[in-house]
Amino acid sequence: MSEPTPVEREDEDDHDLLTYGEAGFRLYEAVRDQRALVQRLREAGSPGVDAAETRLSGLQEAADRNSRQPINDENFERFFGYPGFAKRNTKGQD
């Protein structure tokens, strides 16, 4: 499995809201931490490695879903149901 692309937290985002950017940042951290846990469990020969790998797989799938459909000016109205513009265009930011 490949290493996820690092995601940066936007300074101007309201971190009390779970935006795509904030969710991406949290998922990146969770994948990184879970990957480290899986490695430690493997090295220790722990029977819990299967459950940790299953969780890692789920987190990676969630991170992929989050990164596939960023909100931009073109899809803003379809996503939110009213016309407007994205705070910032996230299309193409990997």
PDB file of N, CA and C in Angstrom:
ATOM      1  N   MET A   1       0.844  -1.182   0.000  1.00  0.00           N
ATOM      2  CA  MET A   1       0.000   0.000   0.000  1.00  0.00           C
ATOM      3  C   MET A   1       0.881   1.234   0.000  1.00  0.00           C
ATOM      4  N   SER A   2       0.473   2.204  -0.785  1.00  0.00           N
ATOM      5  CA  SER A   2       1.286   3.402  -0.898  1.00  0.00           C
ATOM      6  C   SER A   2       1.012   4.367   0.252  1.00  0.00           C
ATOM      7  N   GLU A   3       1.998   5.188   0.498  1.00  0.00           N
ATOM      8  CA  GLU A   3       1.890   6.212   1.550  1.00  0.00           C
ATOM      9  C   GLU A   3       0.897   7.272   1.087  1.00  0.00           C
ATOM     10  N   PRO A   4      -0.035   7.705   1.951  1.00  0.00           N
ATOM     11  CA  PRO A   4      -0.984   8.738   1.538  1.00  0.00           C
ATOM     12  C   PRO A   4      -0.280  10.068   1.324  1.00  0.00           C
ATOM     13  N   THR A   5      -0.834  10.858   0.423  1.00  0.00           N
ATOM     14  CA  THR A   5      -0.294  12.179   0.165  1.00  0.00           C
ATOM     15  C   THR A   5      -0.531  13.052   1.389  1.00  0.00           C
ATOM     16  N   PRO A   6       0.518  13.705   1.899  1.00  0.00           N
ATOM     17  CA  PRO A   6       0.318  14.572   3.074  1.00  0.00           C
ATOM     18  C   PRO A   6      -0.721  15.657   2.785  1.00  0.00           C
ATOM     19  N   VAL A   7      -1.535  15.923   3.766  1.00  0.00           N
ATOM     20  CA  VAL A   7      -2.582  16.931   3.657  1.00  0.00           C
ATOM     21  C   VAL A   7      -2.284  17.998   4.697  1.00  0.00           C
ATOM     22  N   GLU A   8      -2.423  19.247   4.297  1.00  0.00           N
ATOM     23  CA  GLU A   8      -2.190  20.332   5.234  1.00  0.00           C
ATOM     24  C   GLU A   8      -3.511  20.934   5.669  1.00  0.00           C
ATOM     25  N   ARG A   9      -3.564  21.354   6.889  1.00  0.00           N
ATOM     26  CA  ARG A   9      -4.745  22.022   7.439  1.00  0.00           C
ATOM     27  C   ARG A   9      -4.704  23.483   7.002  1.00  0.00           C
ATOM     28  N   GLU A  10      -5.816  23.953   6.433  1.00  0.00           N
ATOM     29  CA  GLU A  10      -5.906  25.339   5.993  1.00  0.00           C
ATOM     30  C   GLU A  10      -6.030  26.248   7.201  1.00  0.00           C
ATOM     31  N   ASP A  11      -5.232  27.305   7.246  1.00  0.00           N
ATOM     32  CA  ASP A  11      -5.254  28.227   8.374  1.00  0.00           C
ATOM     33  C   ASP A  11      -6.585  28.941   8.525  1.00  0.00           C
ATOM     34  N   GLU A  12      -7.238  29.260   7.400  1.00  0.00           N
ATOM     35  CA  GLU A  12      -8.464  30.043   7.493  1.00  0.00           C
ATOM     36  C   GLU A  12      -9.718  29.189   7.694  1.00  0.00           C
ATOM     37  N   ASP A  13      -9.603  27.862   7.657  1.00  0.00           N
ATOM     38  CA  ASP A  13     -10.765  27.004   7.888  1.00  0.00           C
ATOM     39  C   ASP A  13     -11.233  27.113   9.335  1.00  0.00           C
ATOM     40  N   ASP A  14     -12.528  26.967   9.525  1.00  0.00           N
ATOM     41  CA  ASP A  14     -13.102  26.898  10.866  1.00  0.00           C
ATOM     42  C   ASP A  14     -12.974  25.444  11.315  1.00  0.00           C
ATOM     43  N   HIS A  15     -12.075  25.168  12.228  1.00  0.00           N
ATOM     44  CA  HIS A  15     -11.781  23.792  12.609  1.00  0.00           C
ATOM     45  C   HIS A  15     -12.864  23.161  13.479  1.00  0.00           C
ATOM     46  N   ASP A  16     -13.897  23.934  13.822  1.00  0.00           N
ATOM     47  CA  ASP A  16     -15.050  23.351  14.499  1.00  0.00           C
ATOM     48  C   ASP A  16     -15.986  22.683  13.497  1.00  0.00           C
ATOM     49  N   LEU A  17     -15.813  22.998  12.209  1.00  0.00           N
ATOM     50  CA  LEU A  17     -16.609  22.402  11.145  1.00  0.00           C
ATOM     51  C   LEU A  17     -15.804  21.292  10.492  1.00  0.00           C
ATOM     52  N   LEU A  18     -16.475  20.223  10.131  1.00  0.00           N
ATOM     53  CA  LEU A  18     -15.777  19.123   9.478  1.00  0.00           C
ATOM     54  C   LEU A  18     -15.879  19.327   7.969  1.00  0.00           C
ATOM     55  N   THR A  19     -14.989  20.145   7.433  1.00  0.00           N
ATOM     56  CA  THR A  19     -14.926  20.408   6.004  1.00  0.00           C
ATOM     57  C   THR A  19     -14.199  19.259   5.322  1.00  0.00           C
ATOM     58  N   TYR A  20     -14.238  19.228   3.981  1.00  0.00           N
ATOM     59  CA  TYR A  20     -13.467  18.219   3.260  1.00  0.00           C
ATOM     60  C   TYR A  20     -11.994  18.320   3.624  1.00  0.00           C
ATOM     61  N   GLY A  21     -11.497  19.549   3.708  1.00  0.00           N
ATOM     62  CA  GLY A  21     -10.086  19.721   4.047  1.00  0.00           C
ATOM     63  C   GLY A  21      -9.760  19.210   5.434  1.00  0.00           C
ATOM     64  N   GLU A  22     -10.597  19.547   6.405  1.00  0.00           N
ATOM     65  CA  GLU A  22     -10.363  19.086   7.782  1.00  0.00           C
ATOM     66  C   GLU A  22     -10.508  17.566   7.873  1.00  0.00           C
ATOM     67  N   ALA A  23     -11.518  17.013   7.187  1.00  0.00           N
ATOM     68  CA  ALA A  23     -11.681  15.550   7.187  1.00  0.00           C
ATOM     69  C   ALA A  23     -10.467  14.885   6.551  1.00  0.00           C
ATOM     70  N   GLY A  24      -9.986  15.461   5.446  1.00  0.00           N
ATOM     71  CA  GLY A  24      -8.797  14.915   4.793  1.00  0.00           C
ATOM     72  C   GLY A  24      -7.583  14.948   5.705  1.00  0.00           C
ATOM     73  N   PHE A  25      -7.422  16.054   6.415  1.00  0.00           N
ATOM     74  CA  PHE A  25      -6.301  16.183   7.349  1.00  0.00           C
ATOM     75  C   PHE A  25      -6.401  15.141   8.454  1.00  0.00           C
ATOM     76  N   ARG A  26      -7.585  14.985   9.029  1.00  0.00           N
ATOM     77  CA  ARG A  26      -7.770  14.000  10.111  1.00  0.00           C
ATOM     78  C   ARG A  26      -7.574  12.579   9.610  1.00  0.00           C
ATOM     79  N   LEU A  27      -8.063  12.295   8.398  1.00  0.00           N
ATOM     80  CA  LEU A  27      -7.888  10.957   7.830  1.00  0.00           C
ATOM     81  C   LEU A  27      -6.412  10.677   7.559  1.00  0.00           C
ATOM     82  N   TYR A  28      -5.695  11.673   7.040  1.00  0.00           N
ATOM     83  CA  TYR A  28      -4.261  11.495   6.799  1.00  0.00           C
ATOM     84  C   TYR A  28      -3.551  11.128   8.107  1.00  0.00           C
ATOM     85  N   GLU A  29      -3.848  11.860   9.172  1.00  0.00           N
ATOM     86  CA  GLU A  29      -3.232  11.558  10.472  1.00  0.00           C
ATOM     87  C   GLU A  29      -3.612  10.166  10.965  1.00  0.00           C
ATOM     88  N   ALA A  30      -4.893   9.803  10.797  1.00  0.00           N
ATOM     89  CA  ALA A  30      -5.359   8.490  11.264  1.00  0.00           C
ATOM     90  C   ALA A  30      -4.694   7.360  10.484  1.00  0.00           C
ATOM     91  N   VAL A  31      -4.556   7.530   9.168  1.00  0.00           N
ATOM     92  CA  VAL A  31      -3.883   6.508   8.347  1.00  0.00           C
ATOM     93  C   VAL A  31      -2.431   6.370   8.771  1.00  0.00           C
ATOM     94  N   ARG A  32      -1.759   7.499   8.954  1.00  0.00           N
ATOM     95  CA  ARG A  32      -0.355   7.485   9.368  1.00  0.00           C
ATOM     96  C   ARG A  32      -0.189   6.761  10.713  1.00  0.00           C
ATOM     97  N   ASP A  33      -1.038   7.101  11.678  1.00  0.00           N
ATOM     98  CA  ASP A  33      -0.946   6.490  13.002  1.00  0.00           C
ATOM     99  C   ASP A  33      -1.297   5.003  12.959  1.00  0.00           C
ATOM    100  N   GLN A  34      -2.320   4.652  12.190  1.00  0.00           N
ATOM    101  CA  GLN A  34      -2.728   3.248  12.100  1.00  0.00           C
ATOM    102  C   GLN A  34      -1.662   2.423  11.390  1.00  0.00           C
ATOM    103  N   ARG A  35      -1.033   2.988  10.366  1.00  0.00           N
ATOM    104  CA  ARG A  35       0.045   2.293   9.666  1.00  0.00           C
ATOM    105  C   ARG A  35       1.191   1.995  10.643  1.00  0.00           C
ATOM    106  N   ALA A  36       1.522   2.953  11.492  1.00  0.00           N
ATOM    107  CA  ALA A  36       2.588   2.746  12.484  1.00  0.00           C
ATOM    108  C   ALA A  36       2.181   1.659  13.483  1.00  0.00           C
ATOM    109  N   LEU A  37       0.912   1.655  13.884  1.00  0.00           N
ATOM    110  CA  LEU A  37       0.428   0.623  14.806  1.00  0.00           C
ATOM    111  C   LEU A  37       0.525  -0.758  14.172  1.00  0.00           C
ATOM    112  N   VAL A  38       0.117  -0.879  12.927  1.00  0.00           N
ATOM    113  CA  VAL A  38       0.190  -2.166  12.228  1.00  0.00           C
ATOM    114  C   VAL A  38       1.635  -2.649  12.202  1.00  0.00           C
ATOM    115  N   GLN A  39       2.552  -1.752  11.900  1.00  0.00           N
ATOM    116  CA  GLN A  39       3.968  -2.127  11.858  1.00  0.00           C
ATOM    117  C   GLN A  39       4.447  -2.621  13.221  1.00  0.00           C
ATOM    118  N   ARG A  40       4.085  -1.907  14.278  1.00  0.00           N
ATOM    119  CA  ARG A  40       4.500  -2.336  15.634  1.00  0.00           C
ATOM    120  C   ARG A  40       3.909  -3.704  15.981  1.00  0.00           C
ATOM    121  N   LEU A  41       2.638  -3.912  15.636  1.00  0.00           N
ATOM    122  CA  LEU A  41       1.995  -5.198  15.934  1.00  0.00           C
ATOM    123  C   LEU A  41       2.639  -6.337  15.152  1.00  0.00           C
ATOM    124  N   ARG A  42       2.988  -6.078  13.896  1.00  0.00           N
ATOM    125  CA  ARG A  42       3.668  -7.101  13.088  1.00  0.00           C
ATOM    126  C   ARG A  42       5.011  -7.474  13.716  1.00  0.00           C
ATOM    127  N   GLU A  43       5.770  -6.448  14.088  1.00  0.00           N
ATOM    128  CA  GLU A  43       7.085  -6.692  14.671  1.00  0.00           C
ATOM    129  C   GLU A  43       6.982  -7.469  15.976  1.00  0.00           C
ATOM    130  N   ALA A  44       5.901  -7.255  16.721  1.00  0.00           N
ATOM    131  CA  ALA A  44       5.708  -7.944  17.999  1.00  0.00           C
ATOM    132  C   ALA A  44       5.055  -9.315  17.819  1.00  0.00           C
ATOM    133  N   GLY A  45       4.615  -9.613  16.591  1.00  0.00           N
ATOM    134  CA  GLY A  45       3.935 -10.887  16.358  1.00  0.00           C
ATOM    135  C   GLY A  45       2.590 -10.955  17.056  1.00  0.00           C
ATOM    136  N   SER A  46       1.938  -9.822  17.196  1.00  0.00           N
ATOM    137  CA  SER A  46       0.678  -9.743  17.930  1.00  0.00           C
ATOM    138  C   SER A  46      -0.483 -10.334  17.135  1.00  0.00           C
ATOM    139  N   PRO A  47      -1.402 -11.034  17.822  1.00  0.00           N
ATOM    140  CA  PRO A  47      -2.574 -11.555  17.136  1.00  0.00           C
ATOM    141  C   PRO A  47      -3.555 -10.438  16.717  1.00  0.00           C
ATOM    142  N   GLY A  48      -3.377  -9.234  17.206  1.00  0.00           N
ATOM    143  CA  GLY A  48      -4.271  -8.131  16.866  1.00  0.00           C
ATOM    144  C   GLY A  48      -3.956  -7.459  15.546  1.00  0.00           C
ATOM    145  N   VAL A  49      -2.956  -7.966  14.839  1.00  0.00           N
ATOM    146  CA  VAL A  49      -2.546  -7.318  13.591  1.00  0.00           C
ATOM    147  C   VAL A  49      -3.642  -7.383  12.521  1.00  0.00           C
ATOM    148  N   ASP A  50      -4.411  -8.454  12.471  1.00  0.00           N
ATOM    149  CA  ASP A  50      -5.465  -8.566  11.455  1.00  0.00           C
ATOM    150  C   ASP A  50      -6.522  -7.478  11.630  1.00  0.00           C
ATOM    151  N   ALA A  51      -6.943  -7.256  12.856  1.00  0.00           N
ATOM    152  CA  ALA A  51      -7.940  -6.213  13.120  1.00  0.00           C
ATOM    153  C   ALA A  51      -7.365  -4.832  12.800  1.00  0.00           C
ATOM    154  N   ALA A  52      -6.107  -4.618  13.127  1.00  0.00           N
ATOM    155  CA  ALA A  52      -5.467  -3.329  12.841  1.00  0.00           C
ATOM    156  C   ALA A  52      -5.340  -3.106  11.341  1.00  0.00           C
ATOM    157  N   GLU A  53      -5.033  -4.152  10.584  1.00  0.00           N
ATOM    158  CA  GLU A  53      -4.944  -4.036   9.133  1.00  0.00           C
ATOM    159  C   GLU A  53      -6.315  -3.754   8.512  1.00  0.00           C
ATOM    160  N   THR A  54      -7.349  -4.369   9.060  1.00  0.00           N
ATOM    161  CA  THR A  54      -8.707  -4.122   8.571  1.00  0.00           C
ATOM    162  C   THR A  54      -9.084  -2.659   8.783  1.00  0.00           C
ATOM    163  N   ARG A  55      -8.769  -2.137   9.953  1.00  0.00           N
ATOM    164  CA  ARG A  55      -9.047  -0.721  10.234  1.00  0.00           C
ATOM    165  C   ARG A  55      -8.232   0.181   9.314  1.00  0.00           C
ATOM    166  N   LEU A  56      -6.968  -0.151   9.085  1.00  0.00           N
ATOM    167  CA  LEU A  56      -6.126   0.637   8.190  1.00  0.00           C
ATOM    168  C   LEU A  56      -6.718   0.666   6.787  1.00  0.00           C
ATOM    169  N   SER A  57      -7.183  -0.459   6.322  1.00  0.00           N
ATOM    170  CA  SER A  57      -7.795  -0.526   4.995  1.00  0.00           C
ATOM    171  C   SER A  57      -9.026   0.378   4.909  1.00  0.00           C
ATOM    172  N   GLY A  58      -9.859   0.354   5.931  1.00  0.00           N
ATOM    173  CA  GLY A  58     -11.049   1.198   5.959  1.00  0.00           C
ATOM    174  C   GLY A  58     -10.702   2.677   5.984  1.00  0.00           C
ATOM    175  N   LEU A  59      -9.678   3.034   6.761  1.00  0.00           N
ATOM    176  CA  LEU A  59      -9.250   4.434   6.814  1.00  0.00           C
ATOM    177  C   LEU A  59      -8.706   4.889   5.468  1.00  0.00           C
ATOM    178  N   GLN A  60      -7.943   4.033   4.801  1.00  0.00           N
ATOM    179  CA  GLN A  60      -7.391   4.386   3.497  1.00  0.00           C
ATOM    180  C   GLN A  60      -8.504   4.561   2.460  1.00  0.00           C
ATOM    181  N   GLU A  61      -9.515   3.701   2.507  1.00  0.00           N
ATOM    182  CA  GLU A  61     -10.650   3.845   1.598  1.00  0.00           C
ATOM    183  C   GLU A  61     -11.389   5.154   1.852  1.00  0.00           C
ATOM    184  N   ALA A  62     -11.556   5.520   3.109  1.00  0.00           N
ATOM    185  CA  ALA A  62     -12.220   6.780   3.450  1.00  0.00           C
ATOM    186  C   ALA A  62     -11.400   7.972   2.949  1.00  0.00           C
ATOM    187  N   ALA A  63     -10.090   7.908   3.094  1.00  0.00           N
ATOM    188  CA  ALA A  63      -9.223   8.986   2.607  1.00  0.00           C
ATOM    189  C   ALA A  63      -9.316   9.101   1.093  1.00  0.00           C
ATOM    190  N   ASP A  64      -9.373   7.970   0.399  1.00  0.00           N
ATOM    191  CA  ASP A  64      -9.522   7.990  -1.062  1.00  0.00           C
ATOM    192  C   ASP A  64     -10.850   8.620  -1.467  1.00  0.00           C
ATOM    193  N   ARG A  65     -11.926   8.231  -0.787  1.00  0.00           N
ATOM    194  CA  ARG A  65     -13.250   8.812  -1.103  1.00  0.00           C
ATOM    195  C   ARG A  65     -13.246  10.314  -0.866  1.00  0.00           C
ATOM    196  N   ASN A  66     -12.637  10.739   0.219  1.00  0.00           N
ATOM    197  CA  ASN A  66     -12.593  12.165   0.555  1.00  0.00           C
ATOM    198  C   ASN A  66     -11.840  12.959  -0.503  1.00  0.00           C
ATOM    199  N   SER A  67     -10.810  12.385  -1.077  1.00  0.00           N
ATOM    200  CA  SER A  67      -9.985  13.121  -2.031  1.00  0.00           C
ATOM    201  C   SER A  67     -10.537  13.092  -3.451  1.00  0.00           C
ATOM    202  N   ARG A  68     -11.472  12.203  -3.760  1.00  0.00           N
ATOM    203  CA  ARG A  68     -11.983  12.076  -5.130  1.00  0.00           C
ATOM    204  C   ARG A  68     -12.959  13.159  -5.521  1.00  0.00           C
ATOM    205  N   GLN A  69     -13.718  13.710  -4.594  1.00  0.00           N
ATOM    206  CA  GLN A  69     -14.774  14.639  -4.964  1.00  0.00           C
ATOM    207  C   GLN A  69     -14.642  15.957  -4.203  1.00  0.00           C
ATOM    208  N   PRO A  70     -13.581  16.707  -4.495  1.00  0.00           N
ATOM    209  CA  PRO A  70     -13.444  17.992  -3.818  1.00  0.00           C
ATOM    210  C   PRO A  70     -14.512  18.972  -4.271  1.00  0.00           C
ATOM    211  N   ILE A  71     -14.878  19.864  -3.402  1.00  0.00           N
ATOM    212  CA  ILE A  71     -15.855  20.900  -3.736  1.00  0.00           C
ATOM    213  C   ILE A  71     -15.128  22.006  -4.488  1.00  0.00           C
ATOM    214  N   ASN A  72     -15.684  22.373  -5.645  1.00  0.00           N
ATOM    215  CA  ASN A  72     -15.151  23.483  -6.414  1.00  0.00           C
ATOM    216  C   ASN A  72     -16.325  24.315  -6.918  1.00  0.00           C
ATOM    217  N   ASP A  73     -16.039  25.376  -7.638  1.00  0.00           N
ATOM    218  CA  ASP A  73     -17.113  26.254  -8.107  1.00  0.00           C
ATOM    219  C   ASP A  73     -18.103  25.520  -9.004  1.00  0.00           C
ATOM    220  N   GLU A  74     -17.618  24.561  -9.802  1.00  0.00           N
ATOM    221  CA  GLU A  74     -18.486  23.853 -10.747  1.00  0.00           C
ATOM    222  C   GLU A  74     -19.501  22.939 -10.048  1.00  0.00           C
ATOM    223  N   ASN A  75     -19.145  22.312  -8.937  1.00  0.00           N
ATOM    224  CA  ASN A  75     -20.068  21.359  -8.304  1.00  0.00           C
ATOM    225  C   ASN A  75     -20.659  21.870  -6.988  1.00  0.00           C
ATOM    226  N   PHE A  76     -20.403  23.110  -6.631  1.00  0.00           N
ATOM    227  CA  PHE A  76     -20.881  23.675  -5.371  1.00  0.00           C
ATOM    228  C   PHE A  76     -22.400  23.560  -5.242  1.00  0.00           C
ATOM    229  N   GLU A  77     -23.140  24.036  -6.247  1.00  0.00           N
ATOM    230  CA  GLU A  77     -24.607  24.039  -6.158  1.00  0.00           C
ATOM    231  C   GLU A  77     -25.164  22.623  -6.105  1.00  0.00           C
ATOM    232  N   ARG A  78     -24.603  21.712  -6.881  1.00  0.00           N
ATOM    233  CA  ARG A  78     -25.084  20.330  -6.866  1.00  0.00           C
ATOM    234  C   ARG A  78     -24.863  19.699  -5.484  1.00  0.00           C
ATOM    235  N   PHE A  79     -23.761  20.025  -4.830  1.00  0.00           N
ATOM    236  CA  PHE A  79     -23.461  19.447  -3.526  1.00  0.00           C
ATOM    237  C   PHE A  79     -24.313  20.060  -2.422  1.00  0.00           C
ATOM    238  N   PHE A  80     -24.388  21.405  -2.393  1.00  0.00           N
ATOM    239  CA  PHE A  80     -25.074  22.087  -1.291  1.00  0.00           C
ATOM    240  C   PHE A  80     -26.546  22.365  -1.562  1.00  0.00           C
ATOM    241  N   GLY A  81     -26.957  22.380  -2.826  1.00  0.00           N
ATOM    242  CA  GLY A  81     -28.363  22.608  -3.155  1.00  0.00           C
ATOM    243  C   GLY A  81     -28.729  24.068  -3.311  1.00  0.00           C
ATOM    244  N   TYR A  82     -27.767  24.953  -3.329  1.00  0.00           N
ATOM    245  CA  TYR A  82     -28.012  26.374  -3.579  1.00  0.00           C
ATOM    246  C   TYR A  82     -26.790  26.944  -4.304  1.00  0.00           C
ATOM    247  N   PRO A  83     -26.991  27.987  -5.103  1.00  0.00           N
ATOM    248  CA  PRO A  83     -25.872  28.536  -5.864  1.00  0.00           C
ATOM    249  C   PRO A  83     -24.851  29.217  -4.953  1.00  0.00           C
ATOM    250  N   GLY A  84     -23.615  29.170  -5.354  1.00  0.00           N
ATOM    251  CA  GLY A  84     -22.552  29.815  -4.604  1.00  0.00           C
ATOM    252  C   GLY A  84     -21.212  29.435  -5.173  1.00  0.00           C
ATOM    253  N   PHE A  85     -20.185  29.788  -4.470  1.00  0.00           N
ATOM    254  CA  PHE A  85     -18.829  29.496  -4.902  1.00  0.00           C
ATOM    255  C   PHE A  85     -18.073  28.850  -3.749  1.00  0.00           C
ATOM    256  N   ALA A  86     -17.173  27.957  -4.103  1.00  0.00           N
ATOM    257  CA  ALA A  86     -16.340  27.313  -3.096  1.00  0.00           C
ATOM    258  C   ALA A  86     -15.445  28.357  -2.445  1.00  0.00           C
ATOM    259  N   LYS A  87     -15.210  28.192  -1.170  1.00  0.00           N
ATOM    260  CA  LYS A  87     -14.329  29.113  -0.457  1.00  0.00           C
ATOM    261  C   LYS A  87     -12.968  29.152  -1.148  1.00  0.00           C
ATOM    262  N   ARG A  88     -12.516  27.987  -1.559  1.00  0.00           N
ATOM    263  CA  ARG A  88     -11.312  27.874  -2.371  1.00  0.00           C
ATOM    264  C   ARG A  88     -11.535  26.672  -3.265  1.00  0.00           C
ATOM    265  N   ASN A  89     -11.042  26.718  -4.453  1.00  0.00           N
ATOM    266  CA  ASN A  89     -11.159  25.580  -5.343  1.00  0.00           C
ATOM    267  C   ASN A  89     -10.156  24.540  -4.911  1.00  0.00           C
ATOM    268  N   THR A  90     -10.627  23.312  -4.662  1.00  0.00           N
ATOM    269  CA  THR A  90      -9.747  22.254  -4.205  1.00  0.00           C
ATOM    270  C   THR A  90      -9.449  21.257  -5.317  1.00  0.00           C
ATOM    271  N   LYS A  91     -10.011  21.493  -6.490  1.00  0.00           N
ATOM    272  CA  LYS A  91      -9.795  20.587  -7.617  1.00  0.00           C
ATOM    273  C   LYS A  91      -8.314  20.528  -7.959  1.00  0.00           C
ATOM    274  N   GLY A  92      -7.799  19.322  -8.030  1.00  0.00           N
ATOM    275  CA  GLY A  92      -6.420  19.139  -8.429  1.00  0.00           C
ATOM    276  C   GLY A  92      -5.408  19.285  -7.315  1.00  0.00           C
ATOM    277  N   GLN A  93      -5.843  19.518  -6.103  1.00  0.00           N
ATOM    278  CA  GLN A  93      -4.888  19.591  -4.995  1.00  0.00           C
ATOM    279  C   GLN A  93      -4.667  18.198  -4.454  1.00  0.00           C
ATOM    280  N   ASP A  94      -3.488  17.648  -4.705  1.00  0.00           N
ATOM    281  CA  ASP A  94      -3.156  16.308  -4.207  1.00  0.00           C
ATOM    282  C   ASP A  94      -2.053  16.367  -3.203  1.00  0.00           C
TER     283      ASP A  94
END
